[in-house]
C-alpha atoms as a PDB file:
ATOM      1  CA  UNK A   1      15.053  -8.026   5.689  1.00  0.00           C
ATOM      2  CA  UNK A   2      14.556 -11.306   3.844  1.00  0.00           C
ATOM      3  CA  UNK A   3      11.502 -11.947   1.662  1.00  0.00           C
ATOM      4  CA  UNK A   4      10.288 -15.501   1.045  1.00  0.00           C
ATOM      5  CA  UNK A   5       7.676 -16.352  -1.579  1.00  0.00           C
ATOM      6  CA  UNK A   6       5.660 -19.440  -0.718  1.00  0.00           C
ATOM      7  CA  UNK A   7       6.242 -22.026   1.978  1.00  0.00           C
ATOM      8  CA  UNK A   8       8.380 -24.541   0.095  1.00  0.00           C
ATOM      9  CA  UNK A   9      11.746 -22.897   0.509  1.00  0.00           C
ATOM     10  CA  UNK A  10      11.456 -20.827   3.672  1.00  0.00           C
ATOM     11  CA  UNK A  11      14.461 -21.159   5.991  1.00  0.00           C
ATOM     12  CA  UNK A  12      14.317 -22.288   9.582  1.00  0.00           C
ATOM     13  CA  UNK A  13      12.006 -19.621  10.977  1.00  0.00           C
ATOM     14  CA  UNK A  14      10.820 -21.750  13.872  1.00  0.00           C
ATOM     15  CA  UNK A  15      10.671 -20.398  17.402  1.00  0.00           C
ATOM     16  CA  UNK A  16      10.239 -16.867  16.094  1.00  0.00           C
ATOM     17  CA  UNK A  17       7.573 -14.312  16.906  1.00  0.00           C
ATOM     18  CA  UNK A  18       5.005 -14.169  14.130  1.00  0.00           C
ATOM     19  CA  UNK A  19       2.103 -12.066  12.923  1.00  0.00           C
ATOM     20  CA  UNK A  20      -0.209 -12.953  10.037  1.00  0.00           C
ATOM     21  CA  UNK A  21      -2.477 -10.733   7.970  1.00  0.00           C
ATOM     22  CA  UNK A  22      -3.195  -8.998   4.679  1.00  0.00           C
ATOM     23  CA  UNK A  23      -1.906  -5.638   5.953  1.00  0.00           C
ATOM     24  CA  UNK A  24      -3.461  -3.690   3.078  1.00  0.00           C
ATOM     25  CA  UNK A  25      -2.223  -0.143   3.485  1.00  0.00           C
ATOM     26  CA  UNK A  26       0.315  -1.006   6.201  1.00  0.00           C
ATOM     27  CA  UNK A  27      -1.575   1.754   7.997  1.00  0.00           C
ATOM     28  CA  UNK A  28      -1.253   3.201  11.493  1.00  0.00           C
ATOM     29  CA  UNK A  29      -3.241   0.339  13.021  1.00  0.00           C
ATOM     30  CA  UNK A  30      -1.091  -2.253  11.274  1.00  0.00           C
ATOM     31  CA  UNK A  31       2.008  -0.434  12.466  1.00  0.00           C
ATOM     32  CA  UNK A  32       0.926  -0.913  16.074  1.00  0.00           C
ATOM     33  CA  UNK A  33       0.744  -4.657  15.404  1.00  0.00           C
ATOM     34  CA  UNK A  34       4.199  -4.592  13.801  1.00  0.00           C
ATOM     35  CA  UNK A  35       5.549  -2.590  16.745  1.00  0.00           C
ATOM     36  CA  UNK A  36       4.205  -5.353  18.994  1.00  0.00           C
ATOM     37  CA  UNK A  37       5.819  -7.976  16.764  1.00  0.00           C
ATOM     38  CA  UNK A  38       9.223  -6.296  17.001  1.00  0.00           C
ATOM     39  CA  UNK A  39       8.884  -5.685  20.736  1.00  0.00           C
ATOM     40  CA  UNK A  40       8.140  -9.328  21.526  1.00  0.00           C
ATOM     41  CA  UNK A  41      10.793 -10.610  19.101  1.00  0.00           C
ATOM     42  CA  UNK A  42      13.347  -8.522  20.972  1.00  0.00           C
ATOM     43  CA  UNK A  43      11.987  -9.702  24.314  1.00  0.00           C
ATOM     44  CA  UNK A  44      12.269 -13.354  23.272  1.00  0.00           C
ATOM     45  CA  UNK A  45      15.641 -12.729  21.597  1.00  0.00           C
ATOM     46  CA  UNK A  46      14.417 -14.197  18.323  1.00  0.00           C
ATOM     47  CA  UNK A  47      13.449 -13.165  14.798  1.00  0.00           C
ATOM     48  CA  UNK A  48      10.324 -11.273  13.758  1.00  0.00           C
ATOM     49  CA  UNK A  49       8.309 -12.951  10.999  1.00  0.00           C
ATOM     50  CA  UNK A  50       5.460 -11.242   9.173  1.00  0.00           C
ATOM     51  CA  UNK A  51       3.262 -13.459   7.000  1.00  0.00           C
ATOM     52  CA  UNK A  52       1.078 -11.805   4.401  1.00  0.00           C
ATOM     53  CA  UNK A  53      -1.126 -13.105   1.603  1.00  0.00           C
ATOM     54  CA  UNK A  54      -1.195 -12.529  -2.131  1.00  0.00           C
ATOM     55  CA  UNK A  55      -3.618 -12.024  -3.713  1.00  0.00           C
ATOM     56  CA  UNK A  56      -5.810 -10.394  -1.087  1.00  0.00           C
ATOM     57  CA  UNK A  57      -8.188 -12.998   0.421  1.00  0.00           C
ATOM     58  CA  UNK A  58     -11.297 -11.033  -0.564  1.00  0.00           C
ATOM     59  CA  UNK A  59     -10.296 -11.191  -4.235  1.00  0.00           C
ATOM     60  CA  UNK A  60     -10.095 -14.983  -3.961  1.00  0.00           C
ATOM     61  CA  UNK A  61     -13.189 -15.557  -1.844  1.00  0.00           C
ATOM     62  CA  UNK A  62     -15.347 -13.114  -3.847  1.00  0.00           C
ATOM     63  CA  UNK A  63     -14.250 -14.237  -7.288  1.00  0.00           C
ATOM     64  CA  UNK A  64     -17.391 -12.836  -8.923  1.00  0.00           C
ATOM     65  CA  UNK A  65     -16.733  -9.406  -7.433  1.00  0.00           C
ATOM     66  CA  UNK A  66     -13.270  -8.084  -8.228  1.00  0.00           C
ATOM     67  CA  UNK A  67     -14.132  -4.450  -7.491  1.00  0.00           C
ATOM     68  CA  UNK A  68     -12.054  -4.200  -4.298  1.00  0.00           C
ATOM     69  CA  UNK A  69      -8.987  -2.049  -4.832  1.00  0.00           C
ATOM     70  CA  UNK A  70      -5.825  -2.407  -2.779  1.00  0.00           C
ATOM     71  CA  UNK A  71      -4.131   0.506  -1.044  1.00  0.00           C
ATOM     72  CA  UNK A  72      -0.760  -1.109  -1.780  1.00  0.00           C
ATOM     73  CA  UNK A  73       0.714  -3.355  -4.406  1.00  0.00           C
ATOM     74  CA  UNK A  74       2.661  -6.292  -3.036  1.00  0.00           C
ATOM     75  CA  UNK A  75       5.920  -4.517  -3.908  1.00  0.00           C
ATOM     76  CA  UNK A  76       4.804  -1.437  -1.963  1.00  0.00           C
ATOM     77  CA  UNK A  77       3.945  -3.518   1.087  1.00  0.00           C
ATOM     78  CA  UNK A  78       7.361  -5.155   1.033  1.00  0.00           C
ATOM     79  CA  UNK A  79       9.063  -1.735   0.886  1.00  0.00           C
ATOM     80  CA  UNK A  80       6.979  -0.560   3.848  1.00  0.00           C
ATOM     81  CA  UNK A  81       7.637  -3.706   5.901  1.00  0.00           C
ATOM     82  CA  UNK A  82      11.362  -3.260   5.336  1.00  0.00           C
ATOM     83  CA  UNK A  83      11.200   0.370   6.468  1.00  0.00           C
ATOM     84  CA  UNK A  84       9.632  -0.772   9.752  1.00  0.00           C
ATOM     85  CA  UNK A  85      12.436  -3.198  10.592  1.00  0.00           C
ATOM     86  CA  UNK A  86      10.816  -6.622  10.125  1.00  0.00           C
ATOM     87  CA  UNK A  87      13.352  -9.486   9.887  1.00  0.00           C
ATOM     88  CA  UNK A  88      11.436 -11.833   7.564  1.00  0.00           C
ATOM     89  CA  UNK A  89       8.412 -11.433   5.306  1.00  0.00           C
ATOM     90  CA  UNK A  90       6.729 -14.591   4.012  1.00  0.00           C
ATOM     91  CA  UNK A  91       4.319 -14.113   1.093  1.00  0.00           C
ATOM     92  CA  UNK A  92       1.805 -16.970   1.068  1.00  0.00           C
ATOM     93  CA  UNK A  93      -0.345 -17.582  -2.037  1.00  0.00           C
ATOM     94  CA  UNK A  94      -3.946 -17.310  -0.887  1.00  0.00           C
ATOM     95  CA  UNK A  95      -6.024 -20.036  -2.543  1.00  0.00           C
ATOM     96  CA  UNK A  96      -9.507 -21.514  -2.065  1.00  0.00           C
ATOM     97  CA  UNK A  97      -7.795 -24.587  -0.581  1.00  0.00           C
ATOM     98  CA  UNK A  98      -5.968 -22.483   1.992  1.00  0.00           C
ATOM     99  CA  UNK A  99      -9.207 -20.664   2.817  1.00  0.00           C
ATOM    100  CA  UNK A 100     -11.040 -23.968   3.378  1.00  0.00           C
ATOM    101  CA  UNK A 101      -8.945 -24.954   6.415  1.00  0.00           C
ATOM    102  CA  UNK A 102     -10.741 -25.141   9.715  1.00  0.00           C
ATOM    103  CA  UNK A 103      -9.306 -22.861  12.397  1.00  0.00           C
ATOM    104  CA  UNK A 104      -7.712 -25.887  14.107  1.00  0.00           C
ATOM    105  CA  UNK A 105      -6.150 -27.066  10.834  1.00  0.00           C
ATOM    106  CA  UNK A 106      -4.899 -23.538  10.162  1.00  0.00           C
ATOM    107  CA  UNK A 107      -3.093 -23.514  13.494  1.00  0.00           C
ATOM    108  CA  UNK A 108      -1.707 -27.053  13.267  1.00  0.00           C
ATOM    109  CA  UNK A 109      -1.011 -27.419   9.529  1.00  0.00           C
ATOM    110  CA  UNK A 110       0.120 -23.860   8.887  1.00  0.00           C
ATOM    111  CA  UNK A 111       1.293 -21.964  11.955  1.00  0.00           C
ATOM    112  CA  UNK A 112       2.793 -24.904  13.834  1.00  0.00           C
ATOM    113  CA  UNK A 113       3.976 -26.974  10.873  1.00  0.00           C
ATOM    114  CA  UNK A 114       5.928 -24.162   9.238  1.00  0.00           C
ATOM    115  CA  UNK A 115       6.778 -21.791  12.072  1.00  0.00           C
ATOM    116  CA  UNK A 116       6.426 -23.357  15.550  1.00  0.00           C
ATOM    117  CA  UNK A 117       6.263 -19.805  16.942  1.00  0.00           C
ATOM    118  CA  UNK A 118       7.263 -18.762  20.417  1.00  0.00           C
ATOM    119  CA  UNK A 119       4.575 -16.105  20.221  1.00  0.00           C
ATOM    120  CA  UNK A 120       1.776 -14.971  17.920  1.00  0.00           C
ATOM    121  CA  UNK A 121       0.908 -11.272  17.723  1.00  0.00           C
ATOM    122  CA  UNK A 122      -2.609 -10.511  16.464  1.00  0.00           C
ATOM    123  CA  UNK A 123      -4.824  -7.504  15.904  1.00  0.00           C
ATOM    124  CA  UNK A 124      -7.979  -6.743  17.837  1.00  0.00           C
ATOM    125  CA  UNK A 125     -10.180  -8.210  15.077  1.00  0.00           C
ATOM    126  CA  UNK A 126      -7.981 -11.102  13.930  1.00  0.00           C
ATOM    127  CA  UNK A 127      -9.959 -13.939  12.324  1.00  0.00           C
ATOM    128  CA  UNK A 128      -8.818 -16.995  10.415  1.00  0.00           C
ATOM    129  CA  UNK A 129      -9.913 -20.332   9.006  1.00  0.00           C
ATOM    130  CA  UNK A 130     -12.937 -21.254   6.923  1.00  0.00           C
ATOM    131  CA  UNK A 131     -15.670 -18.675   7.283  1.00  0.00           C
ATOM    132  CA  UNK A 132     -13.285 -16.544   9.365  1.00  0.00           C
ATOM    133  CA  UNK A 133     -14.601 -18.220  12.513  1.00  0.00           C
ATOM    134  CA  UNK A 134     -11.172 -18.623  14.100  1.00  0.00           C
ATOM    135  CA  UNK A 135     -10.440 -16.093  16.844  1.00  0.00           C
ATOM    136  CA  UNK A 136      -8.074 -15.466  19.731  1.00  0.00           C
ATOM    137  CA  UNK A 137     -10.075 -17.972  21.795  1.00  0.00           C
ATOM    138  CA  UNK A 138      -9.106 -20.889  19.536  1.00  0.00           C
ATOM    139  CA  UNK A 139      -5.464 -19.830  19.609  1.00  0.00           C
ATOM    140  CA  UNK A 140      -5.662 -19.866  23.407  1.00  0.00           C
ATOM    141  CA  UNK A 141      -7.329 -23.311  23.451  1.00  0.00           C
ATOM    142  CA  UNK A 142      -4.336 -24.866  21.673  1.00  0.00           C
ATOM    143  CA  UNK A 143      -1.744 -22.773  23.470  1.00  0.00           C
ATOM    144  CA  UNK A 144      -0.876 -25.380  26.103  1.00  0.00           C
ATOM    145  CA  UNK A 145      -0.382 -28.082  23.462  1.00  0.00           C
ATOM    146  CA  UNK A 146       1.938 -26.143  21.167  1.00  0.00           C
ATOM    147  CA  UNK A 147       3.586 -23.851  23.713  1.00  0.00           C
ATOM    148  CA  UNK A 148       3.210 -20.406  22.185  1.00  0.00           C
ATOM    149  CA  UNK A 149       2.079 -17.146  23.714  1.00  0.00           C
ATOM    150  CA  UNK A 150      -0.652 -14.953  22.231  1.00  0.00           C
ATOM    151  CA  UNK A 151      -0.497 -11.163  22.332  1.00  0.00           C
ATOM    152  CA  UNK A 152      -3.437  -9.153  21.063  1.00  0.00           C
ATOM    153  CA  UNK A 153      -2.987  -5.512  20.069  1.00  0.00           C
ATOM    154  CA  UNK A 154      -5.856  -3.149  20.804  1.00  0.00           C
ATOM    155  CA  UNK A 155      -7.650  -1.217  18.077  1.00  0.00           C
ATOM    156  CA  UNK A 156      -5.822   1.973  17.148  1.00  0.00           C
ATOM    157  CA  UNK A 157      -7.930   5.123  17.037  1.00  0.00           C
ATOM    158  CA  UNK A 158      -7.305   8.565  15.592  1.00  0.00           C
ATOM    159  CA  UNK A 159      -9.716  11.328  16.606  1.00  0.00           C
ATOM    160  CA  UNK A 160     -12.014   8.716  18.121  1.00  0.00           C
ATOM    161  CA  UNK A 161     -12.197   6.596  14.959  1.00  0.00           C
ATOM    162  CA  UNK A 162     -10.682   3.130  14.567  1.00  0.00           C
ATOM    163  CA  UNK A 163      -8.194   3.152  11.710  1.00  0.00           C
ATOM    164  CA  UNK A 164      -9.117   0.763   8.890  1.00  0.00           C
ATOM    165  CA  UNK A 165      -8.289   0.180   5.234  1.00  0.00           C
ATOM    166  CA  UNK A 166     -11.925   0.875   4.329  1.00  0.00           C
ATOM    167  CA  UNK A 167     -11.858   4.329   5.937  1.00  0.00           C
ATOM    168  CA  UNK A 168      -8.669   5.124   4.028  1.00  0.00           C
ATOM    169  CA  UNK A 169     -10.209   4.018   0.723  1.00  0.00           C
ATOM    170  CA  UNK A 170     -13.206   6.231   1.443  1.00  0.00           C
ATOM    171  CA  UNK A 171     -10.941   9.220   2.117  1.00  0.00           C
ATOM    172  CA  UNK A 172      -9.023   8.645  -1.113  1.00  0.00           C
ATOM    173  CA  UNK A 173     -12.205   8.268  -3.155  1.00  0.00           C
ATOM    174  CA  UNK A 174     -13.280  11.815  -2.237  1.00  0.00           C
ATOM    175  CA  UNK A 175      -9.802  13.292  -2.603  1.00  0.00           C
ATOM    176  CA  UNK A 176      -9.110  13.829   1.112  1.00  0.00           C
ATOM    177  CA  UNK A 177      -5.392  13.070   1.081  1.00  0.00           C
ATOM    178  CA  UNK A 178      -4.744  14.822   4.385  1.00  0.00           C
ATOM    179  CA  UNK A 179      -7.065  12.373   6.146  1.00  0.00           C
ATOM    180  CA  UNK A 180      -5.628   9.442   4.205  1.00  0.00           C
ATOM    181  CA  UNK A 181      -2.113  10.434   5.273  1.00  0.00           C
ATOM    182  CA  UNK A 182      -3.206  10.772   8.903  1.00  0.00           C
ATOM    183  CA  UNK A 183      -4.759   7.287   8.884  1.00  0.00           C
ATOM    184  CA  UNK A 184      -1.970   5.649   6.891  1.00  0.00           C
ATOM    185  CA  UNK A 185       0.848   7.316   8.776  1.00  0.00           C
ATOM    186  CA  UNK A 186       2.538   8.252   5.499  1.00  0.00           C
ATOM    187  CA  UNK A 187       1.488   9.809   2.156  1.00  0.00           C
ATOM    188  CA  UNK A 188      -0.527   7.540  -0.152  1.00  0.00           C
ATOM    189  CA  UNK A 189       1.860   6.070  -2.742  1.00  0.00           C
ATOM    190  CA  UNK A 190       1.672   5.179  -6.398  1.00  0.00           C
ATOM    191  CA  UNK A 191       4.672   3.184  -7.555  1.00  0.00           C
ATOM    192  CA  UNK A 192       5.661   1.692 -10.862  1.00  0.00           C
ATOM    193  CA  UNK A 193       8.009   1.748 -13.802  1.00  0.00           C
ATOM    194  CA  UNK A 194       8.495   4.813 -15.997  1.00  0.00           C
ATOM    195  CA  UNK A 195       7.655   3.993 -19.614  1.00  0.00           C
ATOM    196  CA  UNK A 196       7.735   5.953 -22.890  1.00  0.00           C
ATOM    197  CA  UNK A 197       4.651   7.997 -23.769  1.00  0.00           C
ATOM    198  CA  UNK A 198       3.648   9.838 -26.933  1.00  0.00           C
ATOM    199  CA  UNK A 199       5.725  12.879 -25.854  1.00  0.00           C
ATOM    200  CA  UNK A 200       2.712  15.180 -26.231  1.00  0.00           C
ATOM    201  CA  UNK A 201       3.461  16.757 -22.855  1.00  0.00           C
ATOM    202  CA  UNK A 202       6.982  17.618 -23.986  1.00  0.00           C
ATOM    203  CA  UNK A 203       5.605  19.223 -27.145  1.00  0.00           C
ATOM    204  CA  UNK A 204       3.329  21.358 -24.970  1.00  0.00           C
ATOM    205  CA  UNK A 205       6.187  22.419 -22.703  1.00  0.00           C
ATOM    206  CA  UNK A 206       5.316  20.066 -19.834  1.00  0.00           C
ATOM    207  CA  UNK A 207       7.336  16.845 -20.206  1.00  0.00           C
ATOM    208  CA  UNK A 208       5.977  13.989 -18.128  1.00  0.00           C
ATOM    209  CA  UNK A 209       7.112  10.695 -16.670  1.00  0.00           C
ATOM    210  CA  UNK A 210       4.502   8.078 -17.576  1.00  0.00           C
ATOM    211  CA  UNK A 211       4.030   5.467 -14.868  1.00  0.00           C
ATOM    212  CA  UNK A 212       2.997   1.871 -15.501  1.00  0.00           C
ATOM    213  CA  UNK A 213       1.616  -0.001 -12.479  1.00  0.00           C
ATOM    214  CA  UNK A 214       2.081  -3.770 -12.401  1.00  0.00           C
ATOM    215  CA  UNK A 215      -1.006  -4.588 -10.326  1.00  0.00           C
ATOM    216  CA  UNK A 216      -4.510  -4.173 -11.748  1.00  0.00           C
ATOM    217  CA  UNK A 217      -6.024  -4.291  -8.250  1.00  0.00           C
ATOM    218  CA  UNK A 218      -4.134  -1.192  -7.038  1.00  0.00           C
ATOM    219  CA  UNK A 219      -6.418   1.659  -6.005  1.00  0.00           C
ATOM    220  CA  UNK A 220      -6.007   4.644  -8.294  1.00  0.00           C
ATOM    221  CA  UNK A 221      -7.321   8.029  -7.100  1.00  0.00           C
ATOM    222  CA  UNK A 222     -10.094   9.684  -9.064  1.00  0.00           C
ATOM    223  CA  UNK A 223      -9.229  11.327 -12.372  1.00  0.00           C
ATOM    224  CA  UNK A 224      -7.712  14.745 -11.960  1.00  0.00           C
ATOM    225  CA  UNK A 225      -4.595  16.737 -11.103  1.00  0.00           C
ATOM    226  CA  UNK A 226      -2.527  16.287  -7.935  1.00  0.00           C
ATOM    227  CA  UNK A 227       0.414  17.767  -6.068  1.00  0.00           C
ATOM    228  CA  UNK A 228       2.986  14.999  -5.659  1.00  0.00           C
ATOM    229  CA  UNK A 229       6.487  14.251  -4.497  1.00  0.00           C
ATOM    230  CA  UNK A 230       8.293  11.777  -6.748  1.00  0.00           C
ATOM    231  CA  UNK A 231      11.195   9.562  -5.685  1.00  0.00           C
ATOM    232  CA  UNK A 232      13.561   7.485  -7.793  1.00  0.00           C
ATOM    233  CA  UNK A 233      17.089   6.326  -7.053  1.00  0.00           C
ATOM    234  CA  UNK A 234      18.489   9.026  -4.744  1.00  0.00           C
ATOM    235  CA  UNK A 235      16.279  11.776  -6.176  1.00  0.00           C
ATOM    236  CA  UNK A 236      13.257  13.432  -4.557  1.00  0.00           C
ATOM    237  CA  UNK A 237      11.398  16.018  -6.645  1.00  0.00           C
ATOM    238  CA  UNK A 238       8.143  17.925  -6.384  1.00  0.00           C
ATOM    239  CA  UNK A 239       5.730  17.857  -9.276  1.00  0.00           C
ATOM    240  CA  UNK A 240       2.187  17.647 -10.562  1.00  0.00           C
ATOM    241  CA  UNK A 241       0.481  14.418 -11.527  1.00  0.00           C
ATOM    242  CA  UNK A 242      -2.338  13.831 -13.958  1.00  0.00           C
ATOM    243  CA  UNK A 243      -4.602  10.784 -13.792  1.00  0.00           C
ATOM    244  CA  UNK A 244      -7.167  10.410 -16.540  1.00  0.00           C
ATOM    245  CA  UNK A 245      -8.069   9.622 -20.133  1.00  0.00           C
ATOM    246  CA  UNK A 246      -6.814  12.894 -21.692  1.00  0.00           C
ATOM    247  CA  UNK A 247     -10.239  13.744 -23.183  1.00  0.00           C
ATOM    248  CA  UNK A 248      -9.064  16.955 -24.889  1.00  0.00           C
ATOM    249  CA  UNK A 249      -6.368  15.287 -27.000  1.00  0.00           C
ATOM    250  CA  UNK A 250      -7.378  11.604 -26.951  1.00  0.00           C
ATOM    251  CA  UNK A 251     -11.187  11.164 -27.220  1.00  0.00           C
ATOM    252  CA  UNK A 252     -10.845   7.371 -26.885  1.00  0.00           C
ATOM    253  CA  UNK A 253      -7.796   7.406 -24.676  1.00  0.00           C
ATOM    254  CA  UNK A 254      -6.592   4.852 -22.160  1.00  0.00           C
ATOM    255  CA  UNK A 255      -5.926   5.649 -18.523  1.00  0.00           C
ATOM    256  CA  UNK A 256      -2.721   7.609 -18.067  1.00  0.00           C
ATOM    257  CA  UNK A 257      -0.749   8.340 -14.912  1.00  0.00           C
ATOM    258  CA  UNK A 258       1.875  10.957 -15.694  1.00  0.00           C
ATOM    259  CA  UNK A 259       4.003  13.309 -13.612  1.00  0.00           C
ATOM    260  CA  UNK A 260       5.474  16.635 -14.653  1.00  0.00           C
ATOM    261  CA  UNK A 261       8.568  16.881 -12.449  1.00  0.00           C
ATOM    262  CA  UNK A 262       9.496  20.410 -11.419  1.00  0.00           C
ATOM    263  CA  UNK A 263      13.074  21.521 -12.121  1.00  0.00           C
ATOM    264  CA  UNK A 264      14.015  18.337 -13.966  1.00  0.00           C
ATOM    265  CA  UNK A 265      14.338  17.509 -17.649  1.00  0.00           C
ATOM    266  CA  UNK A 266      16.012  14.129 -18.059  1.00  0.00           C
ATOM    267  CA  UNK A 267      15.159  10.694 -19.442  1.00  0.00           C
ATOM    268  CA  UNK A 268      13.843   8.250 -16.860  1.00  0.00           C
ATOM    269  CA  UNK A 269      12.615   5.339 -18.987  1.00  0.00           C
ATOM    270  CA  UNK A 270      12.857   2.057 -17.123  1.00  0.00           C
ATOM    271  CA  UNK A 271      13.329   3.616 -13.693  1.00  0.00           C
ATOM    272  CA  UNK A 272      11.244   2.470 -10.737  1.00  0.00           C
ATOM    273  CA  UNK A 273       9.530   5.355  -8.999  1.00  0.00           C
ATOM    274  CA  UNK A 274       7.571   5.991  -5.800  1.00  0.00           C
ATOM    275  CA  UNK A 275       5.113   8.888  -5.988  1.00  0.00           C
ATOM    276  CA  UNK A 276       3.661  10.387  -2.810  1.00  0.00           C
ATOM    277  CA  UNK A 277       0.219  11.819  -3.588  1.00  0.00           C
ATOM    278  CA  UNK A 278      -0.184  14.866  -1.357  1.00  0.00           C
ATOM    279  CA  UNK A 279      -3.082  17.047  -2.481  1.00  0.00           C
ATOM    280  CA  UNK A 280      -6.004  16.831  -4.917  1.00  0.00           C
ATOM    281  CA  UNK A 281      -6.090  19.992  -7.046  1.00  0.00           C
ATOM    282  CA  UNK A 282      -8.962  19.605  -9.506  1.00  0.00           C
ATOM    283  CA  UNK A 283     -11.057  17.116 -11.448  1.00  0.00           C
ATOM    284  CA  UNK A 284     -10.185  16.073 -14.982  1.00  0.00           C
ATOM    285  CA  UNK A 285     -11.705  18.337 -17.640  1.00  0.00           C
ATOM    286  CA  UNK A 286     -12.260  18.358 -21.382  1.00  0.00           C
ATOM    287  CA  UNK A 287     -11.177  21.626 -22.991  1.00  0.00           C
ATOM    288  CA  UNK A 288     -12.321  23.157 -26.252  1.00  0.00           C
ATOM    289  CA  UNK A 289      -8.800  23.182 -27.701  1.00  0.00           C
ATOM    290  CA  UNK A 290      -5.164  22.403 -26.744  1.00  0.00           C
ATOM    291  CA  UNK A 291      -4.365  26.054 -26.005  1.00  0.00           C
ATOM    292  CA  UNK A 292      -7.085  26.166 -23.344  1.00  0.00           C
ATOM    293  CA  UNK A 293      -5.656  22.966 -21.878  1.00  0.00           C
ATOM    294  CA  UNK A 294      -2.167  24.506 -21.762  1.00  0.00           C
ATOM    295  CA  UNK A 295      -3.511  27.611 -20.028  1.00  0.00           C
ATOM    296  CA  UNK A 296      -5.116  25.445 -17.339  1.00  0.00           C
ATOM    297  CA  UNK A 297      -1.952  23.364 -16.885  1.00  0.00           C
ATOM    298  CA  UNK A 298      -0.016  26.574 -16.241  1.00  0.00           C
ATOM    299  CA  UNK A 299      -2.585  27.529 -13.589  1.00  0.00           C
ATOM    300  CA  UNK A 300      -2.274  24.058 -12.059  1.00  0.00           C
ATOM    301  CA  UNK A 301       1.490  24.417 -11.924  1.00  0.00           C
ATOM    302  CA  UNK A 302       1.223  27.767 -10.132  1.00  0.00           C
ATOM    303  CA  UNK A 303      -1.303  26.361  -7.649  1.00  0.00           C
ATOM    304  CA  UNK A 304       0.870  23.340  -6.887  1.00  0.00           C
ATOM    305  CA  UNK A 305       4.066  25.367  -6.509  1.00  0.00           C
ATOM    306  CA  UNK A 306       2.192  27.636  -4.102  1.00  0.00           C
ATOM    307  CA  UNK A 307       1.093  24.536  -2.177  1.00  0.00           C
ATOM    308  CA  UNK A 308       4.697  23.406  -1.780  1.00  0.00           C
ATOM    309  CA  UNK A 309       5.842  26.928  -0.866  1.00  0.00           C
ATOM    310  CA  UNK A 310       3.219  27.105   1.881  1.00  0.00           C
ATOM    311  CA  UNK A 311       4.158  23.620   3.064  1.00  0.00           C
ATOM    312  CA  UNK A 312       7.794  24.715   3.368  1.00  0.00           C
ATOM    313  CA  UNK A 313       6.792  27.779   5.392  1.00  0.00           C
ATOM    314  CA  UNK A 314       4.750  25.637   7.780  1.00  0.00           C
ATOM    315  CA  UNK A 315       7.718  23.320   8.326  1.00  0.00           C
ATOM    316  CA  UNK A 316      10.176  26.116   9.193  1.00  0.00           C
END
């Protein structure tokens, strides 16, 4: 897969099959769109092109409200697109100027000018142009002029509910990672670079990998303890993750995301990691003293190892 940032230096991607969207979460509904993209690219014997925006349009259009949190960082989305078999990903900077295009200008000055697609694959609720007033109908109006086909993918439902990024955020906010996984189609990830910490966990007998995320808009689950599976290089290890301010040992602490990796005791500084968040265990707590904290961490470790043991039994 090739990734292209901006429109200035993209190669000749004309006469491809294209889809355009934010794809936050790259969830099960998005995957149906991408399946359609790949199907029609194969049918037309051409390349599949996925265009996404960065930053998310809502963060640009609602500049006085930056509270929206993304299910994926841009890097995570690119990893997921690659895993699905897309040929080209084009990351377009979303700006107020881009957002101000009329639907007709969007089609002519963006889609046609840069891509001249053979076909456009859209979701059931696809909207574009200023005020999001552009719909499938406008694409069809200009179809005979610019000679592209339009394929709309139906809404994807699970248990009678249409899958959406908002529903996934709601599930994550209450710690329902089973539902989030069902809607996403994969475990919710936290990815980033492993950085040095204050080594307090090591002193307490629970060394941790401290994760720094490079995107302030990434959704972080609520503070607490989690069962996780951590991946880096060729390694995959089970572990327990803490998200919080460490109130027992750091009364004015900053947010920490740290993973105690089971059956591993090496240095990982500088490594890129992908953490699958599998199960919420408990809320963050302030303890009366470090020994009480250590006792609880040991209980957490037992609970999480039991979770993985039960998971293994269910998969046999």
